[in-house]
Amino acid sequence: MRIDDFFKDVPDPGNPWGAAQVELDSDLLLQLVKGTVSDGNSLETALSLTRLVRREYEAFGTDQSQVGISEDESREVLRALRVVLQRQGIEFKPPWRDFPSFHGYWVTEGGYGSWQARREIIEKWFRPVQDILDEAEEKEFIGELTEGVSPHRNLGWTAVDDHIAQLRQRFRSASTPVDYKDVGNRCVGVLEALSSHVYDPAEHCAPGQTAPPIDKTDIRIGAYIDQRLPGKSNEELRGLVKKASALSHKMKHSGRADRATTGITADAVILLANILRRLHDA
């Protein structure tokens, strides 16, 4: 979410032909607090909300004519920010809860009659949070997942391409252990889509045997490779399938999944997808 997303247009009853006014979207803030809002990039939301709250409190402490929210709303945005940051693993507990209590705080801290002193108070409390979030965003940009060496941007297998796109998007927005476990889920989804595409029971299942279920990705993709590239010389490739599958399921259930381990797993899965696509064309 961007800063503008925290506001909504409202009709101006005094000017029905003019531009709509904007006001803080309190319903959206409440959804953020409850965790019920659909948010594809929780890190961006945390950054934007931090910048919004800082902007409004800084305006209140320096030039109140520039404040865009009310006293009640100052309490709402600060509460939402504390919760959103807590989900990012960041503790943020400033010694005020709204505009009036912020005023009382700066009076006791030497900010009376000094705009600069109030700005320094804001900097003291908000800068560490912004630094943590900015660093996380930089790591996100640097930690983008691998691209195959194939000249084709997509594999051309619709279901697999869709799952890889969802994997990239989820990894880009992940920032907590729960998020990274979900990246593991998306890795498994890619493998299952791959096994559905390459595995054909008529070709890859021995007579009299039952086709393995969809979640047995190592067996299904391994059977395809056995049929496509049989023999001892291809043991390494079959091993790659098993390792990628095992890593994905491990991340899916790990309580300590992080950006490095899930990134490696996702890279392995994407590379495997490109390998199978290249094998299909060979």
C-alpha atoms as a PDB file:
ATOM      1  CA  MET A   1       0.000   0.000   0.000  1.00  0.00           C
ATOM      2  CA  ARG A   2       1.067   3.577  -0.719  1.00  0.00           C
ATOM      3  CA  ILE A   3       0.328   6.603   1.458  1.00  0.00           C
ATOM      4  CA  ASP A   4      -2.586   7.636  -0.771  1.00  0.00           C
ATOM      5  CA  ASP A   5      -4.206   4.238  -0.196  1.00  0.00           C
ATOM      6  CA  PHE A   6      -4.854   5.155   3.445  1.00  0.00           C
ATOM      7  CA  PHE A   7      -7.255   7.866   2.315  1.00  0.00           C
ATOM      8  CA  LYS A   8     -10.571   7.660   0.503  1.00  0.00           C
ATOM      9  CA  ASP A   9     -12.589  10.075  -1.607  1.00  0.00           C
ATOM     10  CA  VAL A  10     -15.747  11.486  -0.055  1.00  0.00           C
ATOM     11  CA  PRO A  11     -18.364  13.665  -1.753  1.00  0.00           C
ATOM     12  CA  ASP A  12     -18.400  17.360  -0.965  1.00  0.00           C
ATOM     13  CA  PRO A  13     -22.085  18.143  -0.234  1.00  0.00           C
ATOM     14  CA  GLY A  14     -21.435  21.839  -0.672  1.00  0.00           C
ATOM     15  CA  ASN A  15     -20.015  21.428  -4.150  1.00  0.00           C
ATOM     16  CA  PRO A  16     -21.581  18.461  -5.987  1.00  0.00           C
ATOM     17  CA  TRP A  17     -19.823  19.400  -9.254  1.00  0.00           C
ATOM     18  CA  GLY A  18     -16.379  19.865  -7.749  1.00  0.00           C
ATOM     19  CA  ALA A  19     -13.621  17.425  -6.954  1.00  0.00           C
ATOM     20  CA  ALA A  20     -14.160  14.958  -4.134  1.00  0.00           C
ATOM     21  CA  GLN A  21     -12.549  15.566  -0.777  1.00  0.00           C
ATOM     22  CA  VAL A  22     -10.327  12.968   0.866  1.00  0.00           C
ATOM     23  CA  GLU A  23     -10.360  11.663   4.403  1.00  0.00           C
ATOM     24  CA  LEU A  24      -8.520   8.997   6.335  1.00  0.00           C
ATOM     25  CA  ASP A  25      -9.922   5.524   5.670  1.00  0.00           C
ATOM     26  CA  SER A  26     -10.649   4.415   9.236  1.00  0.00           C
ATOM     27  CA  ASP A  27     -12.173   1.128   8.073  1.00  0.00           C
ATOM     28  CA  LEU A  28      -8.949   0.216   6.304  1.00  0.00           C
ATOM     29  CA  LEU A  29      -6.892   1.036   9.411  1.00  0.00           C
ATOM     30  CA  LEU A  30      -9.159  -1.195  11.497  1.00  0.00           C
ATOM     31  CA  GLN A  31      -8.711  -4.030   8.998  1.00  0.00           C
ATOM     32  CA  LEU A  32      -4.943  -3.591   9.246  1.00  0.00           C
ATOM     33  CA  VAL A  33      -5.140  -3.836  13.028  1.00  0.00           C
ATOM     34  CA  LYS A  34      -7.272  -6.997  12.819  1.00  0.00           C
ATOM     35  CA  GLY A  35      -5.135  -8.473  10.054  1.00  0.00           C
ATOM     36  CA  THR A  36      -8.126  -8.974   7.767  1.00  0.00           C
ATOM     37  CA  VAL A  37      -7.065  -6.731   4.892  1.00  0.00           C
ATOM     38  CA  SER A  38      -5.686  -8.303   1.707  1.00  0.00           C
ATOM     39  CA  ASP A  39      -2.141  -6.980   1.521  1.00  0.00           C
ATOM     40  CA  GLY A  40       0.216  -8.237  -1.167  1.00  0.00           C
ATOM     41  CA  ASN A  41       3.228  -6.361   0.195  1.00  0.00           C
ATOM     42  CA  SER A  42       3.252  -6.024   3.970  1.00  0.00           C
ATOM     43  CA  LEU A  43       6.700  -4.421   3.968  1.00  0.00           C
ATOM     44  CA  GLU A  44       5.620  -1.631   1.626  1.00  0.00           C
ATOM     45  CA  THR A  45       2.516  -1.086   3.775  1.00  0.00           C
ATOM     46  CA  ALA A  46       4.632  -0.782   6.928  1.00  0.00           C
ATOM     47  CA  LEU A  47       6.933   1.725   5.226  1.00  0.00           C
ATOM     48  CA  SER A  48       4.083   3.810   3.864  1.00  0.00           C
ATOM     49  CA  LEU A  49       2.188   3.857   7.157  1.00  0.00           C
ATOM     50  CA  THR A  50       5.378   4.824   9.033  1.00  0.00           C
ATOM     51  CA  ARG A  51       5.955   7.733   6.651  1.00  0.00           C
ATOM     52  CA  LEU A  52       2.318   8.830   6.928  1.00  0.00           C
ATOM     53  CA  VAL A  53       2.295   8.807  10.735  1.00  0.00           C
ATOM     54  CA  ARG A  54       5.636  10.586  10.897  1.00  0.00           C
ATOM     55  CA  ARG A  55       4.442  13.226   8.437  1.00  0.00           C
ATOM     56  CA  GLU A  56       1.275  13.971  10.406  1.00  0.00           C
ATOM     57  CA  TYR A  57       2.946  14.134  13.818  1.00  0.00           C
ATOM     58  CA  GLU A  58       5.752  16.257  12.428  1.00  0.00           C
ATOM     59  CA  ALA A  59       3.161  18.629  10.931  1.00  0.00           C
ATOM     60  CA  PHE A  60       1.317  18.790  14.240  1.00  0.00           C
ATOM     61  CA  GLY A  61       4.542  19.717  16.017  1.00  0.00           C
ATOM     62  CA  THR A  62       5.593  22.396  13.534  1.00  0.00           C
ATOM     63  CA  ASP A  63       2.761  23.773  11.402  1.00  0.00           C
ATOM     64  CA  GLN A  64      -0.665  22.548  12.424  1.00  0.00           C
ATOM     65  CA  SER A  65      -2.250  24.082   9.328  1.00  0.00           C
ATOM     66  CA  GLN A  66      -0.633  21.227   7.370  1.00  0.00           C
ATOM     67  CA  VAL A  67      -2.110  18.436   9.516  1.00  0.00           C
ATOM     68  CA  GLY A  68      -4.391  16.218   7.467  1.00  0.00           C
ATOM     69  CA  ILE A  69      -5.970  14.122  10.222  1.00  0.00           C
ATOM     70  CA  SER A  70      -8.006  14.776  13.344  1.00  0.00           C
ATOM     71  CA  GLU A  71      -7.182  14.158  16.978  1.00  0.00           C
ATOM     72  CA  ASP A  72      -9.149  10.873  16.980  1.00  0.00           C
ATOM     73  CA  GLU A  73      -7.486   9.836  13.731  1.00  0.00           C
ATOM     74  CA  SER A  74      -4.058  10.556  15.212  1.00  0.00           C
ATOM     75  CA  ARG A  75      -4.840   7.843  17.734  1.00  0.00           C
ATOM     76  CA  GLU A  76      -6.083   5.436  15.038  1.00  0.00           C
ATOM     77  CA  VAL A  77      -3.024   5.733  12.796  1.00  0.00           C
ATOM     78  CA  LEU A  78      -0.607   5.326  15.695  1.00  0.00           C
ATOM     79  CA  ARG A  79      -2.384   2.205  16.933  1.00  0.00           C
ATOM     80  CA  ALA A  80      -2.422   0.724  13.407  1.00  0.00           C
ATOM     81  CA  LEU A  81       1.273   1.503  12.997  1.00  0.00           C
ATOM     82  CA  ARG A  82       2.227  -0.226  16.243  1.00  0.00           C
ATOM     83  CA  VAL A  83       0.385  -3.388  15.174  1.00  0.00           C
ATOM     84  CA  VAL A  84       1.712  -3.376  11.598  1.00  0.00           C
ATOM     85  CA  LEU A  85       5.278  -2.920  12.835  1.00  0.00           C
ATOM     86  CA  GLN A  86       4.861  -5.647  15.428  1.00  0.00           C
ATOM     87  CA  ARG A  87       3.997  -8.056  12.600  1.00  0.00           C
ATOM     88  CA  GLN A  88       7.312  -7.063  11.015  1.00  0.00           C
ATOM     89  CA  GLY A  89       9.083  -7.921  14.247  1.00  0.00           C
ATOM     90  CA  ILE A  90       9.637  -4.249  15.167  1.00  0.00           C
ATOM     91  CA  GLU A  91       8.659  -2.903  18.579  1.00  0.00           C
ATOM     92  CA  PHE A  92       7.428   0.693  18.397  1.00  0.00           C
ATOM     93  CA  LYS A  93       6.130   2.218  21.626  1.00  0.00           C
ATOM     94  CA  PRO A  94       6.462   6.008  21.624  1.00  0.00           C
ATOM     95  CA  PRO A  95       5.508   7.668  24.919  1.00  0.00           C
ATOM     96  CA  TRP A  96       2.366   9.244  23.462  1.00  0.00           C
ATOM     97  CA  ARG A  97      -0.830   7.897  21.914  1.00  0.00           C
ATOM     98  CA  ASP A  98      -2.324  10.867  20.041  1.00  0.00           C
ATOM     99  CA  PHE A  99      -1.810  14.567  19.271  1.00  0.00           C
ATOM    100  CA  PRO A 100      -2.674  15.910  22.770  1.00  0.00           C
ATOM    101  CA  SER A 101      -0.418  13.428  24.568  1.00  0.00           C
ATOM    102  CA  PHE A 102       2.345  14.166  22.049  1.00  0.00           C
ATOM    103  CA  HIS A 103       1.984  17.849  22.944  1.00  0.00           C
ATOM    104  CA  GLY A 104       2.277  17.006  26.622  1.00  0.00           C
ATOM    105  CA  TYR A 105       5.348  14.900  25.951  1.00  0.00           C
ATOM    106  CA  TRP A 106       7.236  17.546  24.009  1.00  0.00           C
ATOM    107  CA  VAL A 107       6.533  20.123  26.709  1.00  0.00           C
ATOM    108  CA  THR A 108       8.227  17.914  29.283  1.00  0.00           C
ATOM    109  CA  GLU A 109      11.092  17.086  26.903  1.00  0.00           C
ATOM    110  CA  GLY A 110      12.133  20.657  26.098  1.00  0.00           C
ATOM    111  CA  GLY A 111      10.102  21.072  22.930  1.00  0.00           C
ATOM    112  CA  TYR A 112       8.007  23.978  24.171  1.00  0.00           C
ATOM    113  CA  GLY A 113       8.485  26.948  21.837  1.00  0.00           C
ATOM    114  CA  SER A 114      10.967  25.075  19.642  1.00  0.00           C
ATOM    115  CA  TRP A 115       9.892  23.486  16.357  1.00  0.00           C
ATOM    116  CA  GLN A 116      13.366  22.043  15.884  1.00  0.00           C
ATOM    117  CA  ALA A 117      13.269  20.292  19.251  1.00  0.00           C
ATOM    118  CA  ARG A 118       9.962  18.682  18.306  1.00  0.00           C
ATOM    119  CA  ARG A 119      11.387  17.526  14.983  1.00  0.00           C
ATOM    120  CA  GLU A 120      14.308  15.987  16.849  1.00  0.00           C
ATOM    121  CA  ILE A 121      11.869  14.104  19.090  1.00  0.00           C
ATOM    122  CA  ILE A 122      10.124  12.729  15.997  1.00  0.00           C
ATOM    123  CA  GLU A 123      13.485  11.811  14.447  1.00  0.00           C
ATOM    124  CA  LYS A 124      14.547   9.983  17.609  1.00  0.00           C
ATOM    125  CA  TRP A 125      11.484   7.737  17.612  1.00  0.00           C
ATOM    126  CA  PHE A 126      10.850   7.225  13.901  1.00  0.00           C
ATOM    127  CA  ARG A 127      14.350   7.077  12.391  1.00  0.00           C
ATOM    128  CA  PRO A 128      15.308   3.631  13.829  1.00  0.00           C
ATOM    129  CA  VAL A 129      12.062   2.156  12.508  1.00  0.00           C
ATOM    130  CA  GLN A 130      12.519   3.670   9.057  1.00  0.00           C
ATOM    131  CA  ASP A 131      16.123   2.467   8.900  1.00  0.00           C
ATOM    132  CA  ILE A 132      15.078  -1.115   9.657  1.00  0.00           C
ATOM    133  CA  LEU A 133      12.308  -1.020   7.045  1.00  0.00           C
ATOM    134  CA  ASP A 134      14.506   0.652   4.433  1.00  0.00           C
ATOM    135  CA  GLU A 135      17.189  -1.987   4.928  1.00  0.00           C
ATOM    136  CA  ALA A 136      14.607  -4.758   4.581  1.00  0.00           C
ATOM    137  CA  GLU A 137      13.353  -3.180   1.354  1.00  0.00           C
ATOM    138  CA  GLU A 138      16.900  -2.980  -0.028  1.00  0.00           C
ATOM    139  CA  LYS A 139      17.448  -6.658   0.765  1.00  0.00           C
ATOM    140  CA  GLU A 140      14.187  -7.411  -0.989  1.00  0.00           C
ATOM    141  CA  PHE A 141      15.352  -5.641  -4.143  1.00  0.00           C
ATOM    142  CA  ILE A 142      18.754  -7.355  -4.022  1.00  0.00           C
ATOM    143  CA  GLY A 143      17.261 -10.736  -3.192  1.00  0.00           C
ATOM    144  CA  GLU A 144      15.123 -11.142  -6.283  1.00  0.00           C
ATOM    145  CA  LEU A 145      14.867 -14.724  -7.463  1.00  0.00           C
ATOM    146  CA  THR A 146      16.889 -16.221 -10.280  1.00  0.00           C
ATOM    147  CA  GLU A 147      16.027 -16.055 -13.964  1.00  0.00           C
ATOM    148  CA  GLY A 148      16.748 -18.959 -16.275  1.00  0.00           C
ATOM    149  CA  VAL A 149      19.280 -18.571 -19.099  1.00  0.00           C
ATOM    150  CA  SER A 150      16.553 -19.481 -21.585  1.00  0.00           C
ATOM    151  CA  PRO A 151      15.778 -16.673 -24.040  1.00  0.00           C
ATOM    152  CA  HIS A 152      12.077 -17.099 -23.225  1.00  0.00           C
ATOM    153  CA  ARG A 153      10.723 -15.008 -20.351  1.00  0.00           C
ATOM    154  CA  ASN A 154       8.060 -17.621 -19.621  1.00  0.00           C
ATOM    155  CA  LEU A 155       8.163 -21.390 -19.964  1.00  0.00           C
ATOM    156  CA  GLY A 156       5.044 -21.493 -22.104  1.00  0.00           C
ATOM    157  CA  TRP A 157       3.381 -23.888 -19.663  1.00  0.00           C
ATOM    158  CA  THR A 158       0.529 -21.760 -18.381  1.00  0.00           C
ATOM    159  CA  ALA A 159      -0.085 -23.402 -15.009  1.00  0.00           C
ATOM    160  CA  VAL A 160       3.630 -23.571 -14.204  1.00  0.00           C
ATOM    161  CA  ASP A 161       4.213 -19.953 -15.278  1.00  0.00           C
ATOM    162  CA  ASP A 162       1.309 -18.829 -13.074  1.00  0.00           C
ATOM    163  CA  HIS A 163       2.719 -20.653 -10.052  1.00  0.00           C
ATOM    164  CA  ILE A 164       6.208 -19.234 -10.623  1.00  0.00           C
ATOM    165  CA  ALA A 165       4.750 -15.705 -10.902  1.00  0.00           C
ATOM    166  CA  GLN A 166       2.920 -16.218  -7.594  1.00  0.00           C
ATOM    167  CA  LEU A 167       6.126 -17.549  -6.033  1.00  0.00           C
ATOM    168  CA  ARG A 168       8.090 -14.477  -7.133  1.00  0.00           C
ATOM    169  CA  GLN A 169       5.406 -12.132  -5.824  1.00  0.00           C
ATOM    170  CA  ARG A 170       5.177 -13.919  -2.467  1.00  0.00           C
ATOM    171  CA  PHE A 171       8.941 -13.971  -2.000  1.00  0.00           C
ATOM    172  CA  ARG A 172       9.144 -10.274  -2.849  1.00  0.00           C
ATOM    173  CA  SER A 173       6.650  -9.373  -0.117  1.00  0.00           C
ATOM    174  CA  ALA A 174       7.806 -11.886   2.527  1.00  0.00           C
ATOM    175  CA  SER A 175       9.402 -10.542   5.688  1.00  0.00           C
ATOM    176  CA  THR A 176       8.382 -12.840   8.580  1.00  0.00           C
ATOM    177  CA  PRO A 177       8.857 -16.576   9.322  1.00  0.00           C
ATOM    178  CA  VAL A 178       5.178 -17.177   8.522  1.00  0.00           C
ATOM    179  CA  ASP A 179       5.642 -15.421   5.175  1.00  0.00           C
ATOM    180  CA  TYR A 180       8.680 -17.538   4.371  1.00  0.00           C
ATOM    181  CA  LYS A 181       6.819 -20.740   5.222  1.00  0.00           C
ATOM    182  CA  ASP A 182       4.242 -19.636   2.680  1.00  0.00           C
ATOM    183  CA  VAL A 183       7.054 -19.199   0.141  1.00  0.00           C
ATOM    184  CA  GLY A 184       7.741 -22.889   0.772  1.00  0.00           C
ATOM    185  CA  ASN A 185       4.077 -23.574  -0.020  1.00  0.00           C
ATOM    186  CA  ARG A 186       4.463 -21.722  -3.326  1.00  0.00           C
ATOM    187  CA  CYS A 187       7.602 -23.747  -4.148  1.00  0.00           C
ATOM    188  CA  VAL A 188       5.619 -26.945  -3.633  1.00  0.00           C
ATOM    189  CA  GLY A 189       2.898 -25.493  -5.858  1.00  0.00           C
ATOM    190  CA  VAL A 190       5.414 -24.985  -8.665  1.00  0.00           C
ATOM    191  CA  LEU A 191       6.651 -28.565  -8.327  1.00  0.00           C
ATOM    192  CA  GLU A 192       3.119 -29.950  -8.361  1.00  0.00           C
ATOM    193  CA  ALA A 193       2.284 -27.919 -11.471  1.00  0.00           C
ATOM    194  CA  LEU A 194       5.465 -29.221 -13.109  1.00  0.00           C
ATOM    195  CA  SER A 195       4.669 -32.832 -12.234  1.00  0.00           C
ATOM    196  CA  SER A 196       1.140 -32.418 -13.601  1.00  0.00           C
ATOM    197  CA  HIS A 197       2.553 -31.150 -16.867  1.00  0.00           C
ATOM    198  CA  VAL A 198       5.346 -33.639 -17.482  1.00  0.00           C
ATOM    199  CA  TYR A 199       3.974 -36.777 -15.821  1.00  0.00           C
ATOM    200  CA  ASP A 200       1.790 -39.019 -17.982  1.00  0.00           C
ATOM    201  CA  PRO A 201       0.592 -42.232 -16.276  1.00  0.00           C
ATOM    202  CA  ALA A 202       0.349 -43.966 -19.643  1.00  0.00           C
ATOM    203  CA  GLU A 203       4.061 -43.403 -20.247  1.00  0.00           C
ATOM    204  CA  HIS A 204       5.632 -43.110 -16.828  1.00  0.00           C
ATOM    205  CA  CYS A 205       3.711 -45.546 -14.632  1.00  0.00           C
ATOM    206  CA  ALA A 206       4.692 -49.211 -14.767  1.00  0.00           C
ATOM    207  CA  PRO A 207       1.947 -51.681 -15.803  1.00  0.00           C
ATOM    208  CA  GLY A 208      -0.160 -52.777 -12.870  1.00  0.00           C
ATOM    209  CA  GLN A 209       0.977 -49.937 -10.643  1.00  0.00           C
ATOM    210  CA  THR A 210      -1.045 -46.975  -9.407  1.00  0.00           C
ATOM    211  CA  ALA A 211       0.041 -43.492 -10.467  1.00  0.00           C
ATOM    212  CA  PRO A 212       1.588 -41.627  -7.503  1.00  0.00           C
ATOM    213  CA  PRO A 213      -0.490 -38.744  -6.082  1.00  0.00           C
ATOM    214  CA  ILE A 214       0.181 -35.162  -7.131  1.00  0.00           C
ATOM    215  CA  ASP A 215       2.155 -34.333  -3.983  1.00  0.00           C
ATOM    216  CA  LYS A 216       4.763 -37.026  -4.749  1.00  0.00           C
ATOM    217  CA  THR A 217       6.581 -34.579  -6.961  1.00  0.00           C
ATOM    218  CA  ASP A 218       9.992 -36.242  -6.706  1.00  0.00           C
ATOM    219  CA  ILE A 219       8.568 -39.571  -7.882  1.00  0.00           C
ATOM    220  CA  ARG A 220       6.478 -38.113 -10.698  1.00  0.00           C
ATOM    221  CA  ILE A 221       9.136 -35.761 -12.085  1.00  0.00           C
ATOM    222  CA  GLY A 222      11.792 -38.413 -11.469  1.00  0.00           C
ATOM    223  CA  ALA A 223       9.791 -40.898 -13.550  1.00  0.00           C
ATOM    224  CA  TYR A 224       9.630 -38.390 -16.384  1.00  0.00           C
ATOM    225  CA  ILE A 225      13.410 -37.895 -16.267  1.00  0.00           C
ATOM    226  CA  ASP A 226      13.968 -41.663 -16.077  1.00  0.00           C
ATOM    227  CA  GLN A 227      11.935 -42.078 -19.237  1.00  0.00           C
ATOM    228  CA  ARG A 228      13.395 -39.037 -20.979  1.00  0.00           C
ATOM    229  CA  LEU A 229      17.036 -39.482 -19.888  1.00  0.00           C
ATOM    230  CA  PRO A 230      17.518 -43.027 -18.612  1.00  0.00           C
ATOM    231  CA  GLY A 231      20.685 -44.477 -17.213  1.00  0.00           C
ATOM    232  CA  LYS A 232      23.349 -43.878 -14.601  1.00  0.00           C
ATOM    233  CA  SER A 233      24.671 -40.788 -16.383  1.00  0.00           C
ATOM    234  CA  ASN A 234      21.559 -38.867 -15.337  1.00  0.00           C
ATOM    235  CA  GLU A 235      21.635 -39.689 -11.631  1.00  0.00           C
ATOM    236  CA  GLU A 236      22.620 -36.104 -10.750  1.00  0.00           C
ATOM    237  CA  LEU A 237      19.586 -34.672 -12.516  1.00  0.00           C
ATOM    238  CA  ARG A 238      17.273 -37.087 -10.760  1.00  0.00           C
ATOM    239  CA  GLY A 239      18.964 -36.151  -7.499  1.00  0.00           C
ATOM    240  CA  LEU A 240      18.269 -32.474  -8.180  1.00  0.00           C
ATOM    241  CA  VAL A 241      14.559 -33.242  -8.458  1.00  0.00           C
ATOM    242  CA  LYS A 242      14.555 -35.053  -5.124  1.00  0.00           C
ATOM    243  CA  LYS A 243      16.528 -32.313  -3.371  1.00  0.00           C
ATOM    244  CA  ALA A 244      14.348 -29.501  -4.723  1.00  0.00           C
ATOM    245  CA  SER A 245      11.236 -31.356  -3.625  1.00  0.00           C
ATOM    246  CA  ALA A 246      12.654 -32.125  -0.179  1.00  0.00           C
ATOM    247  CA  LEU A 247      13.778 -28.507   0.337  1.00  0.00           C
ATOM    248  CA  SER A 248      10.359 -27.146  -0.616  1.00  0.00           C
ATOM    249  CA  HIS A 249       8.506 -29.394   1.806  1.00  0.00           C
ATOM    250  CA  LYS A 250      11.050 -28.585   4.519  1.00  0.00           C
ATOM    251  CA  MET A 251      10.485 -24.838   4.085  1.00  0.00           C
ATOM    252  CA  LYS A 252       6.741 -25.373   4.025  1.00  0.00           C
ATOM    253  CA  HIS A 253       6.852 -26.844   7.530  1.00  0.00           C
ATOM    254  CA  SER A 254       9.835 -24.989   8.989  1.00  0.00           C
ATOM    255  CA  GLY A 255       9.370 -22.753  11.993  1.00  0.00           C
ATOM    256  CA  ARG A 256      12.682 -21.015  11.284  1.00  0.00           C
ATOM    257  CA  ALA A 257      12.414 -20.299   7.575  1.00  0.00           C
ATOM    258  CA  ASP A 258      14.198 -17.105   6.555  1.00  0.00           C
ATOM    259  CA  ARG A 259      14.929 -15.102   3.416  1.00  0.00           C
ATOM    260  CA  ALA A 260      18.203 -16.843   2.593  1.00  0.00           C
ATOM    261  CA  THR A 261      16.980 -20.441   2.905  1.00  0.00           C
ATOM    262  CA  THR A 262      13.651 -19.870   1.165  1.00  0.00           C
ATOM    263  CA  GLY A 263      15.375 -17.840  -1.547  1.00  0.00           C
ATOM    264  CA  ILE A 264      17.754 -20.727  -2.225  1.00  0.00           C
ATOM    265  CA  THR A 265      14.836 -23.159  -2.315  1.00  0.00           C
ATOM    266  CA  ALA A 266      12.838 -20.956  -4.678  1.00  0.00           C
ATOM    267  CA  ASP A 267      15.878 -20.512  -6.934  1.00  0.00           C
ATOM    268  CA  ALA A 268      16.325 -24.293  -7.085  1.00  0.00           C
ATOM    269  CA  VAL A 269      12.675 -24.834  -7.994  1.00  0.00           C
ATOM    270  CA  ILE A 270      12.724 -22.175 -10.719  1.00  0.00           C
ATOM    271  CA  LEU A 271      15.939 -23.589 -12.174  1.00  0.00           C
ATOM    272  CA  LEU A 272      14.426 -27.067 -12.135  1.00  0.00           C
ATOM    273  CA  ALA A 273      11.429 -25.728 -14.058  1.00  0.00           C
ATOM    274  CA  ASN A 274      13.762 -24.268 -16.678  1.00  0.00           C
ATOM    275  CA  ILE A 275      15.705 -27.537 -16.870  1.00  0.00           C
ATOM    276  CA  LEU A 276      12.531 -29.523 -17.526  1.00  0.00           C
ATOM    277  CA  ARG A 277      11.398 -27.026 -20.147  1.00  0.00           C
ATOM    278  CA  ARG A 278      14.763 -27.270 -21.897  1.00  0.00           C
ATOM    279  CA  LEU A 279      14.597 -31.062 -21.685  1.00  0.00           C
ATOM    280  CA  HIS A 280      11.121 -30.989 -23.206  1.00  0.00           C
ATOM    281  CA  ASP A 281      12.461 -29.036 -26.210  1.00  0.00           C
ATOM    282  CA  ALA A 282      15.569 -31.180 -26.693  1.00  0.00           C
END
